[in-house]
Amino acid sequence: MKPDPSSRSADERRASILIALAGAGRVEVNELAESLAVAEETIRRDLRTLEDDGLLRRAHGGAISVADPVADLDRVTVPEPIAHPVATLAATLLPERGILFLDAGPIAEALSVCLPNSAALQVVTTSIPVALVASRNAELSVYNLGGTVDPVDDSQSGQWTRESLENIRIDLAFISVSGLTQDGQLLAASPKAARIKRAAMDAATTVVLIADHDQLEAHGLVKFAQLDEVDHLVVDGGVGDAVLALATEAGVPVLRAEPLETEITL
C-alpha cells in the first residue's frame, strides 16, 4: 500500500515548499496543494508559518522568495534517512571531487548521509529529501532541479526537470529502479520517472545502479535502459543468482552486501 501523502508532517511539507521556491522564485497555493495532496488552507497555513520565520513573503495566490530559502533549510526539521546496506556499500564509490547525480528513493536518501563534505564535489538531485540532507554539508554544493513534486516519494519530474538535465554534465550518477526484467531491461514506476532516469544516464559519464532485491523484481511499468548500459551494480545480500548471472552476461561489475544472517530460534 502506498503511503498517504497527507500524513506527512508539517515540517516535511514546508521543506518541500522551500525547495520548490528555491527553484522557481515563486510558488502558487493551488499548485502546491495539488502536488502535496493537501487542502489549499493547509498550504496557506504553511506559508504563514514560513513567512513568520522569515523564509518567504506571501503574495497574491502564493509566495515569493525573500533571499535564498535553501540556505535556511537547516531551520526545518527533516527526518534522518534510515541506514541501508546498499548505500553503505555504494558510498565506497563516492569521489572527493566531481559532479554527482543522486536519484530519488530510500537508498539514495541513505547515500546522501555518506557524502563527503568537499568543496570540490557538486551534487545534483531530483529528490527533496536528498537535497535537504546533502545541504547539511557546508562545503558541498547541492543543486535541486525542481519540477513537479510526487507526493509519494518527494521526487521531482516534468519538462522543467528534463530540460535541466539536458543542460548539465554529470560525472557519476546513482540510479534506482522499480524492476529488472529477465532479459536485463531496467524498469521505472511511471513514464515521468523513466524519462528522468534516462536523461540522467544520458548526461552521466559513469552510471551506478543501486537496488535491493525487492526493487529488482519486475514490478516497474516503463522500460528506460538495459543493464549493459550500467557501469556498476550495487545490491544487497538478498539478490538471487539470476540477477547476478544477468550482470555477468552484461559485463557489469557487482558490489554485493553481505547476506543477513538468519537467527534460528529453538
C-alpha atoms as a PDB file:
ATOM      1  CA  MET A   1       0.000   0.000   0.000  1.00  0.00           C
ATOM      2  CA  LYS A   2       1.317   3.450  -0.917  1.00  0.00           C
ATOM      3  CA  PRO A   3       1.805   5.911   1.929  1.00  0.00           C
ATOM      4  CA  ASP A   4      -0.821   8.600   2.311  1.00  0.00           C
ATOM      5  CA  PRO A   5       0.920  11.857   1.275  1.00  0.00           C
ATOM      6  CA  SER A   6      -1.383  13.838   3.526  1.00  0.00           C
ATOM      7  CA  SER A   7       0.103  12.015   6.524  1.00  0.00           C
ATOM      8  CA  ARG A   8       3.462  13.740   6.100  1.00  0.00           C
ATOM      9  CA  SER A   9       4.458  16.121   8.827  1.00  0.00           C
ATOM     10  CA  ALA A  10       4.123  19.878   8.547  1.00  0.00           C
ATOM     11  CA  ASP A  11       7.918  20.170   8.595  1.00  0.00           C
ATOM     12  CA  GLU A  12       8.199  17.863   5.584  1.00  0.00           C
ATOM     13  CA  ARG A  13       5.574  19.862   3.679  1.00  0.00           C
ATOM     14  CA  ARG A  14       7.309  23.129   4.457  1.00  0.00           C
ATOM     15  CA  ALA A  15      10.649  21.712   3.373  1.00  0.00           C
ATOM     16  CA  SER A  16       9.030  20.737   0.057  1.00  0.00           C
ATOM     17  CA  ILE A  17       7.663  24.269  -0.313  1.00  0.00           C
ATOM     18  CA  LEU A  18      11.080  25.819   0.283  1.00  0.00           C
ATOM     19  CA  ILE A  19      12.705  23.552  -2.286  1.00  0.00           C
ATOM     20  CA  ALA A  20      10.053  24.462  -4.861  1.00  0.00           C
ATOM     21  CA  LEU A  21      10.510  28.134  -4.037  1.00  0.00           C
ATOM     22  CA  ALA A  22      14.281  27.887  -4.377  1.00  0.00           C
ATOM     23  CA  GLY A  23      13.874  26.527  -7.901  1.00  0.00           C
ATOM     24  CA  ALA A  24      11.158  28.849  -9.177  1.00  0.00           C
ATOM     25  CA  GLY A  25      11.346  32.008  -7.063  1.00  0.00           C
ATOM     26  CA  ARG A  26       7.553  31.885  -6.663  1.00  0.00           C
ATOM     27  CA  VAL A  27       5.045  29.205  -5.650  1.00  0.00           C
ATOM     28  CA  GLU A  28       1.274  29.068  -6.096  1.00  0.00           C
ATOM     29  CA  VAL A  29      -1.116  27.819  -3.410  1.00  0.00           C
ATOM     30  CA  ASN A  30      -3.244  25.743  -5.785  1.00  0.00           C
ATOM     31  CA  GLU A  31      -0.242  24.039  -7.386  1.00  0.00           C
ATOM     32  CA  LEU A  32       1.317  23.237  -4.009  1.00  0.00           C
ATOM     33  CA  ALA A  33      -1.962  21.859  -2.718  1.00  0.00           C
ATOM     34  CA  GLU A  34      -2.256  19.582  -5.732  1.00  0.00           C
ATOM     35  CA  SER A  35       1.355  18.344  -5.707  1.00  0.00           C
ATOM     36  CA  LEU A  36       1.411  17.784  -1.937  1.00  0.00           C
ATOM     37  CA  ALA A  37      -2.116  16.340  -1.849  1.00  0.00           C
ATOM     38  CA  VAL A  38      -3.437  18.609   0.902  1.00  0.00           C
ATOM     39  CA  ALA A  39      -6.075  21.316   1.157  1.00  0.00           C
ATOM     40  CA  GLU A  40      -5.273  24.847  -0.011  1.00  0.00           C
ATOM     41  CA  GLU A  41      -5.950  26.144   3.506  1.00  0.00           C
ATOM     42  CA  THR A  42      -3.234  23.803   4.807  1.00  0.00           C
ATOM     43  CA  ILE A  43      -0.778  25.335   2.336  1.00  0.00           C
ATOM     44  CA  ARG A  44      -1.821  28.846   3.357  1.00  0.00           C
ATOM     45  CA  ARG A  45      -1.080  27.990   6.997  1.00  0.00           C
ATOM     46  CA  ASP A  46       2.304  26.630   5.992  1.00  0.00           C
ATOM     47  CA  LEU A  47       3.082  29.817   4.057  1.00  0.00           C
ATOM     48  CA  ARG A  48       2.119  31.968   7.038  1.00  0.00           C
ATOM     49  CA  THR A  49       4.433  29.955   9.279  1.00  0.00           C
ATOM     50  CA  LEU A  50       7.320  30.175   6.809  1.00  0.00           C
ATOM     51  CA  GLU A  51       6.734  33.916   6.427  1.00  0.00           C
ATOM     52  CA  ASP A  52       6.824  34.329  10.202  1.00  0.00           C
ATOM     53  CA  ASP A  53      10.179  32.510  10.150  1.00  0.00           C
ATOM     54  CA  GLY A  54      11.467  34.951   7.535  1.00  0.00           C
ATOM     55  CA  LEU A  55      11.865  32.299   4.834  1.00  0.00           C
ATOM     56  CA  LEU A  56       9.477  33.751   2.241  1.00  0.00           C
ATOM     57  CA  ARG A  57       6.996  36.559   1.597  1.00  0.00           C
ATOM     58  CA  ARG A  58       3.374  35.785   0.880  1.00  0.00           C
ATOM     59  CA  ALA A  59       1.955  37.231  -2.332  1.00  0.00           C
ATOM     60  CA  HIS A  60      -1.423  37.060  -4.061  1.00  0.00           C
ATOM     61  CA  GLY A  61      -2.180  33.379  -4.640  1.00  0.00           C
ATOM     62  CA  GLY A  62       1.123  32.117  -3.314  1.00  0.00           C
ATOM     63  CA  ALA A  63       4.529  33.288  -2.093  1.00  0.00           C
ATOM     64  CA  ILE A  64       7.832  34.642  -3.373  1.00  0.00           C
ATOM     65  CA  SER A  65      11.374  34.201  -2.107  1.00  0.00           C
ATOM     66  CA  VAL A  66      12.979  36.847   0.058  1.00  0.00           C
ATOM     67  CA  ALA A  67      16.572  35.654  -0.176  1.00  0.00           C
ATOM     68  CA  ASP A  68      17.935  32.138  -0.559  1.00  0.00           C
ATOM     69  CA  PRO A  69      15.482  29.687   1.046  1.00  0.00           C
ATOM     70  CA  VAL A  70      17.839  26.729   0.593  1.00  0.00           C
ATOM     71  CA  ALA A  71      20.395  28.406   2.843  1.00  0.00           C
ATOM     72  CA  ASP A  72      17.882  28.317   5.685  1.00  0.00           C
ATOM     73  CA  LEU A  73      16.714  24.722   5.269  1.00  0.00           C
ATOM     74  CA  ASP A  74      18.566  23.690   8.425  1.00  0.00           C
ATOM     75  CA  ARG A  75      15.771  25.501  10.289  1.00  0.00           C
ATOM     76  CA  VAL A  76      13.307  22.893   9.032  1.00  0.00           C
ATOM     77  CA  THR A  77      13.264  19.530  10.785  1.00  0.00           C
ATOM     78  CA  VAL A  78      13.983  16.729   8.307  1.00  0.00           C
ATOM     79  CA  PRO A  79      13.647  13.058   9.267  1.00  0.00           C
ATOM     80  CA  GLU A  80      17.011  11.264   9.259  1.00  0.00           C
ATOM     81  CA  PRO A  81      17.230   8.717   6.418  1.00  0.00           C
ATOM     82  CA  ILE A  82      17.325   5.092   7.512  1.00  0.00           C
ATOM     83  CA  ALA A  83      20.732   3.441   7.010  1.00  0.00           C
ATOM     84  CA  HIS A  84      20.795   0.928   4.165  1.00  0.00           C
ATOM     85  CA  PRO A  85      23.467  -1.712   3.385  1.00  0.00           C
ATOM     86  CA  VAL A  86      23.390  -0.896  -0.330  1.00  0.00           C
ATOM     87  CA  ALA A  87      24.007   2.784   0.414  1.00  0.00           C
ATOM     88  CA  THR A  88      26.888   1.921   2.741  1.00  0.00           C
ATOM     89  CA  LEU A  89      28.495  -0.164   0.011  1.00  0.00           C
ATOM     90  CA  ALA A  90      27.764   2.377  -2.740  1.00  0.00           C
ATOM     91  CA  ALA A  91      29.475   5.039  -0.622  1.00  0.00           C
ATOM     92  CA  THR A  92      32.804   3.333  -1.367  1.00  0.00           C
ATOM     93  CA  LEU A  93      32.394   4.597  -4.952  1.00  0.00           C
ATOM     94  CA  LEU A  94      31.928   8.236  -3.919  1.00  0.00           C
ATOM     95  CA  PRO A  95      34.689  10.540  -5.172  1.00  0.00           C
ATOM     96  CA  GLU A  96      36.089  13.585  -3.387  1.00  0.00           C
ATOM     97  CA  ARG A  97      35.511  15.797  -6.427  1.00  0.00           C
ATOM     98  CA  GLY A  98      33.294  15.984  -9.486  1.00  0.00           C
ATOM     99  CA  ILE A  99      29.574  16.192 -10.224  1.00  0.00           C
ATOM    100  CA  LEU A 100      27.203  13.569  -8.798  1.00  0.00           C
ATOM    101  CA  PHE A 101      23.583  12.792  -9.567  1.00  0.00           C
ATOM    102  CA  LEU A 102      21.533  11.117  -6.836  1.00  0.00           C
ATOM    103  CA  ASP A 103      18.177   9.623  -7.813  1.00  0.00           C
ATOM    104  CA  ALA A 104      15.146   9.532  -5.520  1.00  0.00           C
ATOM    105  CA  GLY A 105      14.331   6.704  -3.130  1.00  0.00           C
ATOM    106  CA  PRO A 106      15.353   5.356   0.285  1.00  0.00           C
ATOM    107  CA  ILE A 107      18.754   4.052  -0.852  1.00  0.00           C
ATOM    108  CA  ALA A 108      19.684   7.402  -2.409  1.00  0.00           C
ATOM    109  CA  GLU A 109      18.492   9.165   0.752  1.00  0.00           C
ATOM    110  CA  ALA A 110      20.690   6.893   2.886  1.00  0.00           C
ATOM    111  CA  LEU A 111      23.596   7.512   0.498  1.00  0.00           C
ATOM    112  CA  SER A 112      23.196  11.288   0.887  1.00  0.00           C
ATOM    113  CA  VAL A 113      24.219  10.918   4.541  1.00  0.00           C
ATOM    114  CA  CYS A 114      27.549   9.443   3.379  1.00  0.00           C
ATOM    115  CA  LEU A 115      28.501  12.314   1.050  1.00  0.00           C
ATOM    116  CA  PRO A 116      31.895  13.841   1.829  1.00  0.00           C
ATOM    117  CA  ASN A 117      31.867  17.487   2.875  1.00  0.00           C
ATOM    118  CA  SER A 118      34.049  18.547  -0.053  1.00  0.00           C
ATOM    119  CA  ALA A 119      34.043  21.906  -1.810  1.00  0.00           C
ATOM    120  CA  ALA A 120      35.275  20.102  -4.925  1.00  0.00           C
ATOM    121  CA  LEU A 121      32.110  17.985  -5.082  1.00  0.00           C
ATOM    122  CA  GLN A 122      28.767  19.072  -6.563  1.00  0.00           C
ATOM    123  CA  VAL A 123      25.540  17.133  -6.087  1.00  0.00           C
ATOM    124  CA  VAL A 124      22.545  17.274  -8.423  1.00  0.00           C
ATOM    125  CA  THR A 125      19.285  15.595  -7.442  1.00  0.00           C
ATOM    126  CA  THR A 126      15.588  15.395  -8.180  1.00  0.00           C
ATOM    127  CA  SER A 127      14.846  14.263  -4.612  1.00  0.00           C
ATOM    128  CA  ILE A 128      13.787  16.790  -1.990  1.00  0.00           C
ATOM    129  CA  PRO A 129      14.927  14.602   0.957  1.00  0.00           C
ATOM    130  CA  VAL A 130      18.324  14.016  -0.678  1.00  0.00           C
ATOM    131  CA  ALA A 131      18.784  17.759  -1.240  1.00  0.00           C
ATOM    132  CA  LEU A 132      17.839  18.577   2.337  1.00  0.00           C
ATOM    133  CA  VAL A 133      20.216  16.029   3.861  1.00  0.00           C
ATOM    134  CA  ALA A 134      23.108  16.775   1.495  1.00  0.00           C
ATOM    135  CA  SER A 135      22.814  20.514   2.116  1.00  0.00           C
ATOM    136  CA  ARG A 136      23.820  19.952   5.752  1.00  0.00           C
ATOM    137  CA  ASN A 137      27.413  19.751   4.455  1.00  0.00           C
ATOM    138  CA  ALA A 138      28.556  23.364   4.451  1.00  0.00           C
ATOM    139  CA  GLU A 139      31.282  22.861   1.831  1.00  0.00           C
ATOM    140  CA  LEU A 140      29.157  20.788  -0.538  1.00  0.00           C
ATOM    141  CA  SER A 141      27.354  22.417  -3.474  1.00  0.00           C
ATOM    142  CA  VAL A 142      23.849  20.956  -3.794  1.00  0.00           C
ATOM    143  CA  TYR A 143      21.509  21.589  -6.724  1.00  0.00           C
ATOM    144  CA  ASN A 144      17.871  20.520  -6.640  1.00  0.00           C
ATOM    145  CA  LEU A 145      16.462  20.505 -10.162  1.00  0.00           C
ATOM    146  CA  GLY A 146      12.892  21.386  -9.243  1.00  0.00           C
ATOM    147  CA  GLY A 147       9.826  20.303 -11.152  1.00  0.00           C
ATOM    148  CA  THR A 148       6.501  18.700 -10.266  1.00  0.00           C
ATOM    149  CA  VAL A 149       6.659  17.040  -6.837  1.00  0.00           C
ATOM    150  CA  ASP A 150       5.489  13.445  -6.464  1.00  0.00           C
ATOM    151  CA  PRO A 151       3.785  13.331  -3.027  1.00  0.00           C
ATOM    152  CA  VAL A 152       4.656   9.625  -2.607  1.00  0.00           C
ATOM    153  CA  ASP A 153       8.468   9.890  -2.562  1.00  0.00           C
ATOM    154  CA  ASP A 154       9.146  13.651  -2.875  1.00  0.00           C
ATOM    155  CA  SER A 155      10.839  13.140  -6.238  1.00  0.00           C
ATOM    156  CA  GLN A 156      10.555  15.742  -8.978  1.00  0.00           C
ATOM    157  CA  SER A 157       9.872  15.306 -12.666  1.00  0.00           C
ATOM    158  CA  GLY A 158       8.416  17.009 -15.717  1.00  0.00           C
ATOM    159  CA  GLN A 159       9.659  19.161 -18.567  1.00  0.00           C
ATOM    160  CA  TRP A 160      11.491  21.570 -16.252  1.00  0.00           C
ATOM    161  CA  THR A 161      13.488  18.722 -14.712  1.00  0.00           C
ATOM    162  CA  ARG A 162      14.283  17.050 -18.048  1.00  0.00           C
ATOM    163  CA  GLU A 163      15.458  20.290 -19.633  1.00  0.00           C
ATOM    164  CA  SER A 164      17.726  20.944 -16.661  1.00  0.00           C
ATOM    165  CA  LEU A 165      19.316  17.507 -17.044  1.00  0.00           C
ATOM    166  CA  GLU A 166      19.837  18.081 -20.755  1.00  0.00           C
ATOM    167  CA  ASN A 167      21.986  21.120 -19.989  1.00  0.00           C
ATOM    168  CA  ILE A 168      24.332  19.746 -17.350  1.00  0.00           C
ATOM    169  CA  ARG A 169      27.252  17.322 -17.250  1.00  0.00           C
ATOM    170  CA  ILE A 170      27.393  14.518 -14.685  1.00  0.00           C
ATOM    171  CA  ASP A 171      30.483  12.523 -13.786  1.00  0.00           C
ATOM    172  CA  LEU A 172      28.783   9.832 -11.720  1.00  0.00           C
ATOM    173  CA  ALA A 173      25.062   9.034 -11.499  1.00  0.00           C
ATOM    174  CA  PHE A 174      23.444   6.793  -8.888  1.00  0.00           C
ATOM    175  CA  ILE A 175      20.211   5.455 -10.379  1.00  0.00           C
ATOM    176  CA  SER A 176      17.449   3.491  -8.645  1.00  0.00           C
ATOM    177  CA  VAL A 177      14.931   1.184 -10.329  1.00  0.00           C
ATOM    178  CA  SER A 178      11.494  -0.311  -9.817  1.00  0.00           C
ATOM    179  CA  GLY A 179      12.296  -3.581 -11.552  1.00  0.00           C
ATOM    180  CA  LEU A 180      14.580  -5.660 -13.752  1.00  0.00           C
ATOM    181  CA  THR A 181      13.218  -7.981 -16.418  1.00  0.00           C
ATOM    182  CA  GLN A 182      14.584 -11.430 -17.220  1.00  0.00           C
ATOM    183  CA  ASP A 183      16.253 -10.050 -20.333  1.00  0.00           C
ATOM    184  CA  GLY A 184      18.020  -7.251 -18.454  1.00  0.00           C
ATOM    185  CA  GLN A 185      15.731  -4.268 -19.016  1.00  0.00           C
ATOM    186  CA  LEU A 186      15.593  -1.657 -16.251  1.00  0.00           C
ATOM    187  CA  LEU A 187      12.109  -0.531 -15.220  1.00  0.00           C
ATOM    188  CA  ALA A 188      10.704   2.637 -13.669  1.00  0.00           C
ATOM    189  CA  ALA A 189       7.402   3.034 -11.845  1.00  0.00           C
ATOM    190  CA  SER A 190       5.949   5.587 -14.267  1.00  0.00           C
ATOM    191  CA  PRO A 191       6.642   7.262 -17.640  1.00  0.00           C
ATOM    192  CA  LYS A 192       7.717  10.516 -15.978  1.00  0.00           C
ATOM    193  CA  ALA A 193      10.171   8.705 -13.676  1.00  0.00           C
ATOM    194  CA  ALA A 194      11.539   6.743 -16.647  1.00  0.00           C
ATOM    195  CA  ARG A 195      12.230   9.924 -18.612  1.00  0.00           C
ATOM    196  CA  ILE A 196      14.137  11.489 -15.708  1.00  0.00           C
ATOM    197  CA  LYS A 197      16.265   8.381 -15.124  1.00  0.00           C
ATOM    198  CA  ARG A 198      17.021   8.134 -18.850  1.00  0.00           C
ATOM    199  CA  ALA A 199      18.016  11.796 -19.019  1.00  0.00           C
ATOM    200  CA  ALA A 200      20.318  11.425 -16.005  1.00  0.00           C
ATOM    201  CA  MET A 201      22.003   8.379 -17.542  1.00  0.00           C
ATOM    202  CA  ASP A 202      22.487  10.192 -20.846  1.00  0.00           C
ATOM    203  CA  ALA A 203      24.163  13.095 -19.030  1.00  0.00           C
ATOM    204  CA  ALA A 204      26.492  10.865 -16.983  1.00  0.00           C
ATOM    205  CA  THR A 205      29.943   9.509 -17.761  1.00  0.00           C
ATOM    206  CA  THR A 206      29.561   6.669 -15.238  1.00  0.00           C
ATOM    207  CA  VAL A 207      26.310   5.071 -14.026  1.00  0.00           C
ATOM    208  CA  VAL A 208      25.860   3.097 -10.802  1.00  0.00           C
ATOM    209  CA  LEU A 209      22.640   1.145 -10.315  1.00  0.00           C
ATOM    210  CA  ILE A 210      21.623   0.942  -6.632  1.00  0.00           C
ATOM    211  CA  ALA A 211      18.907  -1.523  -5.635  1.00  0.00           C
ATOM    212  CA  ASP A 212      17.879  -4.128  -3.098  1.00  0.00           C
ATOM    213  CA  HIS A 213      16.402  -7.499  -4.057  1.00  0.00           C
ATOM    214  CA  ASP A 214      12.806  -6.270  -3.757  1.00  0.00           C
ATOM    215  CA  GLN A 215      13.435  -3.455  -6.231  1.00  0.00           C
ATOM    216  CA  LEU A 216      14.890  -5.898  -8.756  1.00  0.00           C
ATOM    217  CA  GLU A 217      11.625  -7.799  -9.074  1.00  0.00           C
ATOM    218  CA  ALA A 218       9.866  -6.949 -12.346  1.00  0.00           C
ATOM    219  CA  HIS A 219       7.277  -4.614 -10.812  1.00  0.00           C
ATOM    220  CA  GLY A 220       8.041  -1.467 -12.813  1.00  0.00           C
ATOM    221  CA  LEU A 221       5.838  -0.173 -15.603  1.00  0.00           C
ATOM    222  CA  VAL A 222       8.187   1.522 -18.070  1.00  0.00           C
ATOM    223  CA  LYS A 223      11.470   0.375 -19.630  1.00  0.00           C
ATOM    224  CA  PHE A 224      14.161   3.043 -19.663  1.00  0.00           C
ATOM    225  CA  ALA A 225      17.519   1.296 -20.146  1.00  0.00           C
ATOM    226  CA  GLN A 226      19.375  -2.006 -20.480  1.00  0.00           C
ATOM    227  CA  LEU A 227      21.532  -3.445 -17.719  1.00  0.00           C
ATOM    228  CA  ASP A 228      24.584  -3.392 -20.007  1.00  0.00           C
ATOM    229  CA  GLU A 229      24.372   0.436 -20.045  1.00  0.00           C
ATOM    230  CA  VAL A 230      25.280   0.444 -16.344  1.00  0.00           C
ATOM    231  CA  ASP A 231      28.916   0.596 -15.169  1.00  0.00           C
ATOM    232  CA  HIS A 232      28.395  -0.814 -11.658  1.00  0.00           C
ATOM    233  CA  LEU A 233      25.598  -2.673  -9.874  1.00  0.00           C
ATOM    234  CA  VAL A 234      25.362  -2.328  -6.090  1.00  0.00           C
ATOM    235  CA  VAL A 235      22.893  -4.707  -4.424  1.00  0.00           C
ATOM    236  CA  ASP A 236      22.022  -6.247  -1.080  1.00  0.00           C
ATOM    237  CA  GLY A 237      22.656  -9.774   0.095  1.00  0.00           C
ATOM    238  CA  GLY A 238      19.165 -10.935  -0.810  1.00  0.00           C
ATOM    239  CA  VAL A 239      19.732 -10.630  -4.567  1.00  0.00           C
ATOM    240  CA  GLY A 240      19.463 -14.030  -6.252  1.00  0.00           C
ATOM    241  CA  ASP A 241      21.686 -15.870  -8.693  1.00  0.00           C
ATOM    242  CA  ALA A 242      19.512 -14.944 -11.683  1.00  0.00           C
ATOM    243  CA  VAL A 243      20.276 -11.242 -11.271  1.00  0.00           C
ATOM    244  CA  LEU A 244      23.963 -11.930 -10.723  1.00  0.00           C
ATOM    245  CA  ALA A 245      24.018 -14.049 -13.884  1.00  0.00           C
ATOM    246  CA  LEU A 246      22.397 -11.210 -15.850  1.00  0.00           C
ATOM    247  CA  ALA A 247      25.068  -8.809 -14.590  1.00  0.00           C
ATOM    248  CA  THR A 248      27.842 -11.223 -15.550  1.00  0.00           C
ATOM    249  CA  GLU A 249      26.362 -11.646 -19.027  1.00  0.00           C
ATOM    250  CA  ALA A 250      26.119  -7.857 -19.403  1.00  0.00           C
ATOM    251  CA  GLY A 251      29.711  -7.374 -18.196  1.00  0.00           C
ATOM    252  CA  VAL A 252      28.629  -5.256 -15.224  1.00  0.00           C
ATOM    253  CA  PRO A 253      30.771  -5.459 -12.041  1.00  0.00           C
ATOM    254  CA  VAL A 254      28.699  -6.196  -8.940  1.00  0.00           C
ATOM    255  CA  LEU A 255      29.181  -4.982  -5.379  1.00  0.00           C
ATOM    256  CA  ARG A 256      27.040  -7.126  -3.097  1.00  0.00           C
ATOM    257  CA  ALA A 257      26.377  -6.504   0.573  1.00  0.00           C
ATOM    258  CA  GLU A 258      26.842  -9.479   2.841  1.00  0.00           C
ATOM    259  CA  PRO A 259      23.683 -11.605   3.215  1.00  0.00           C
ATOM    260  CA  LEU A 260      21.896 -11.094   6.510  1.00  0.00           C
ATOM    261  CA  GLU A 261      22.327 -13.944   8.949  1.00  0.00           C
ATOM    262  CA  THR A 262      19.075 -15.673   9.840  1.00  0.00           C
ATOM    263  CA  GLU A 263      18.548 -16.122  13.537  1.00  0.00           C
ATOM    264  CA  ILE A 264      17.259 -19.586  14.409  1.00  0.00           C
ATOM    265  CA  THR A 265      15.023 -19.844  17.462  1.00  0.00           C
ATOM    266  CA  LEU A 266      14.865 -23.262  19.102  1.00  0.00           C
END
